[in-house]
Amino acid sequence: MKKDAKFIKMRRKICELLGCWCLVYVEARAPVTIETKVKQNNFVMALNIANESENESPLESS
């Protein structure tokens, strides 16, 4: 029971941080697999790229 409560709290935190796209993984109680890690990394990279492109568009500067 305690494990479930901890898991639910963790799931909420993950979904707050990363958005609801990750809900499927977490709902299924999937362990953090390489695939999930890659998707998280891609998500972070996408955020970084989005932040950079607000300052200056890398496509236009080339």
N, C-alpha and C. Protein backbone atom coordinates (compact mmCIF):
# COMPACT_ATOMS: atom_id res chain seq x y z
N MET A 1 0.82 -1.20 0.00
CA MET A 1 0.00 0.00 0.00
C MET A 1 0.87 1.27 0.00
N LYS A 2 1.90 1.25 0.85
CA LYS A 2 2.78 2.43 0.91
C LYS A 2 3.48 2.64 -0.43
N LYS A 3 3.87 1.54 -1.05
CA LYS A 3 4.54 1.62 -2.34
C LYS A 3 3.62 2.27 -3.38
N ASP A 4 2.34 1.91 -3.35
CA ASP A 4 1.38 2.49 -4.29
C ASP A 4 1.25 4.00 -4.09
N ALA A 5 1.17 4.42 -2.83
CA ALA A 5 1.05 5.85 -2.54
C ALA A 5 2.27 6.61 -3.04
N LYS A 6 3.44 6.03 -2.82
CA LYS A 6 4.68 6.66 -3.28
C LYS A 6 4.70 6.73 -4.81
N PHE A 7 4.22 5.64 -5.43
CA PHE A 7 4.20 5.59 -6.89
C PHE A 7 3.28 6.66 -7.46
N ILE A 8 2.10 6.81 -6.85
CA ILE A 8 1.13 7.80 -7.32
C ILE A 8 1.71 9.21 -7.20
N LYS A 9 2.38 9.47 -6.07
CA LYS A 9 2.99 10.77 -5.87
C LYS A 9 4.07 11.02 -6.93
N MET A 10 4.88 9.99 -7.20
CA MET A 10 5.93 10.10 -8.20
C MET A 10 5.33 10.34 -9.58
N ARG A 11 4.24 9.60 -9.87
CA ARG A 11 3.58 9.73 -11.16
C ARG A 11 3.08 11.15 -11.37
N ARG A 12 2.47 11.72 -10.33
CA ARG A 12 1.97 13.10 -10.43
C ARG A 12 3.11 14.06 -10.71
N LYS A 13 4.22 13.86 -10.02
CA LYS A 13 5.37 14.75 -10.18
C LYS A 13 5.92 14.66 -11.61
N ILE A 14 6.07 13.43 -12.10
CA ILE A 14 6.57 13.22 -13.46
C ILE A 14 5.66 13.90 -14.47
N CYS A 15 4.36 13.73 -14.30
CA CYS A 15 3.42 14.28 -15.26
C CYS A 15 3.36 15.80 -15.19
N GLU A 16 3.58 16.35 -14.01
CA GLU A 16 3.67 17.81 -13.89
C GLU A 16 4.89 18.32 -14.63
N LEU A 17 6.01 17.60 -14.48
CA LEU A 17 7.27 18.05 -15.07
C LEU A 17 7.29 17.85 -16.59
N LEU A 18 6.81 16.69 -17.03
CA LEU A 18 6.98 16.33 -18.43
C LEU A 18 5.73 16.48 -19.28
N GLY A 19 4.58 16.66 -18.62
CA GLY A 19 3.35 16.75 -19.39
C GLY A 19 2.68 15.39 -19.52
N CYS A 20 1.47 15.40 -20.03
CA CYS A 20 0.64 14.20 -19.98
C CYS A 20 1.05 13.13 -20.99
N TRP A 21 1.96 13.42 -21.93
CA TRP A 21 2.34 12.40 -22.91
C TRP A 21 2.96 11.19 -22.24
N CYS A 22 3.55 11.41 -21.05
CA CYS A 22 4.22 10.30 -20.36
C CYS A 22 3.24 9.48 -19.55
N LEU A 23 1.99 9.90 -19.48
CA LEU A 23 1.00 9.24 -18.62
C LEU A 23 0.84 7.77 -18.98
N VAL A 24 0.92 7.45 -20.27
CA VAL A 24 0.75 6.07 -20.72
C VAL A 24 1.79 5.16 -20.09
N TYR A 25 3.05 5.59 -20.11
CA TYR A 25 4.12 4.80 -19.52
C TYR A 25 3.88 4.59 -18.03
N VAL A 26 3.53 5.70 -17.37
CA VAL A 26 3.44 5.66 -15.92
C VAL A 26 2.17 4.92 -15.48
N GLU A 27 1.08 5.11 -16.22
CA GLU A 27 -0.15 4.39 -15.92
C GLU A 27 0.08 2.88 -15.99
N ALA A 28 0.86 2.47 -16.95
CA ALA A 28 1.14 1.05 -17.14
C ALA A 28 2.15 0.54 -16.11
N ARG A 29 2.61 1.42 -15.25
CA ARG A 29 3.61 1.09 -14.23
C ARG A 29 4.87 0.53 -14.85
N ALA A 30 5.20 1.04 -16.02
CA ALA A 30 6.41 0.59 -16.70
C ALA A 30 7.62 1.10 -15.93
N PRO A 31 8.62 0.25 -15.77
CA PRO A 31 9.87 0.73 -15.18
C PRO A 31 10.51 1.74 -16.13
N VAL A 32 11.44 2.52 -15.63
CA VAL A 32 12.09 3.50 -16.50
C VAL A 32 13.02 2.74 -17.43
N THR A 33 12.51 2.46 -18.62
CA THR A 33 13.28 1.70 -19.60
C THR A 33 14.15 2.64 -20.41
N ILE A 34 15.00 2.06 -21.23
CA ILE A 34 15.85 2.87 -22.11
C ILE A 34 14.97 3.70 -23.03
N GLU A 35 13.90 3.10 -23.54
CA GLU A 35 13.00 3.82 -24.45
C GLU A 35 12.41 5.05 -23.77
N THR A 36 11.98 4.87 -22.52
CA THR A 36 11.40 5.99 -21.77
C THR A 36 12.46 7.07 -21.57
N LYS A 37 13.67 6.65 -21.21
CA LYS A 37 14.76 7.60 -21.01
C LYS A 37 15.03 8.39 -22.28
N VAL A 38 15.05 7.69 -23.41
CA VAL A 38 15.29 8.35 -24.69
C VAL A 38 14.21 9.37 -24.96
N LYS A 39 12.96 9.00 -24.70
CA LYS A 39 11.86 9.94 -24.94
C LYS A 39 11.98 11.14 -24.02
N GLN A 40 12.40 10.92 -22.77
CA GLN A 40 12.58 12.03 -21.84
C GLN A 40 13.70 12.94 -22.35
N ASN A 41 14.80 12.34 -22.81
CA ASN A 41 15.91 13.13 -23.33
C ASN A 41 15.49 13.92 -24.55
N ASN A 42 14.73 13.28 -25.44
CA ASN A 42 14.23 13.97 -26.63
C ASN A 42 13.33 15.13 -26.24
N PHE A 43 12.53 14.91 -25.20
CA PHE A 43 11.61 15.95 -24.74
C PHE A 43 12.40 17.14 -24.21
N VAL A 44 13.44 16.86 -23.41
CA VAL A 44 14.28 17.92 -22.86
C VAL A 44 15.00 18.65 -23.99
N MET A 45 15.50 17.88 -24.96
CA MET A 45 16.17 18.49 -26.11
C MET A 45 15.20 19.39 -26.88
N ALA A 46 13.99 18.91 -27.06
CA ALA A 46 12.97 19.69 -27.77
C ALA A 46 12.69 21.00 -27.03
N LEU A 47 12.63 20.92 -25.70
CA LEU A 47 12.42 22.13 -24.89
C LEU A 47 13.57 23.11 -25.08
N ASN A 48 14.80 22.58 -25.03
CA ASN A 48 15.97 23.43 -25.20
C ASN A 48 15.98 24.09 -26.57
N ILE A 49 15.65 23.32 -27.58
CA ILE A 49 15.61 23.85 -28.95
C ILE A 49 14.53 24.93 -29.05
N ALA A 50 13.38 24.67 -28.44
CA ALA A 50 12.29 25.65 -28.46
C ALA A 50 12.72 26.94 -27.78
N ASN A 51 13.41 26.81 -26.65
CA ASN A 51 13.88 27.99 -25.92
C ASN A 51 14.89 28.77 -26.74
N GLU A 52 15.80 28.05 -27.40
CA GLU A 52 16.82 28.70 -28.22
C GLU A 52 16.18 29.41 -29.41
N SER A 53 15.21 28.76 -30.03
CA SER A 53 14.61 29.33 -31.23
C SER A 53 13.78 30.57 -30.92
N GLU A 54 13.41 30.74 -29.66
CA GLU A 54 12.72 31.97 -29.28
C GLU A 54 13.70 33.15 -29.33
N ASN A 55 14.95 32.87 -28.96
CA ASN A 55 15.98 33.92 -28.96
C ASN A 55 16.44 34.23 -30.38
N GLU A 56 16.78 33.18 -31.11
CA GLU A 56 17.17 33.34 -32.51
C GLU A 56 16.90 32.04 -33.24
N SER A 57 16.43 32.12 -34.44
CA SER A 57 16.11 30.93 -35.20
C SER A 57 17.37 30.34 -35.83
N PRO A 58 17.74 29.12 -35.45
CA PRO A 58 18.95 28.50 -36.00
C PRO A 58 18.82 28.23 -37.50
N LEU A 59 17.59 28.03 -37.99
CA LEU A 59 17.39 27.75 -39.41
C LEU A 59 17.69 28.97 -40.26
N GLU A 60 17.28 30.15 -39.78
CA GLU A 60 17.47 31.37 -40.56
C GLU A 60 18.93 31.83 -40.55
N SER A 61 19.66 31.52 -39.47
CA SER A 61 21.03 32.01 -39.35
C SER A 61 22.01 31.23 -40.22
N SER A 62 21.62 30.04 -40.71
CA SER A 62 22.56 29.23 -41.49
C SER A 62 22.61 29.61 -42.95
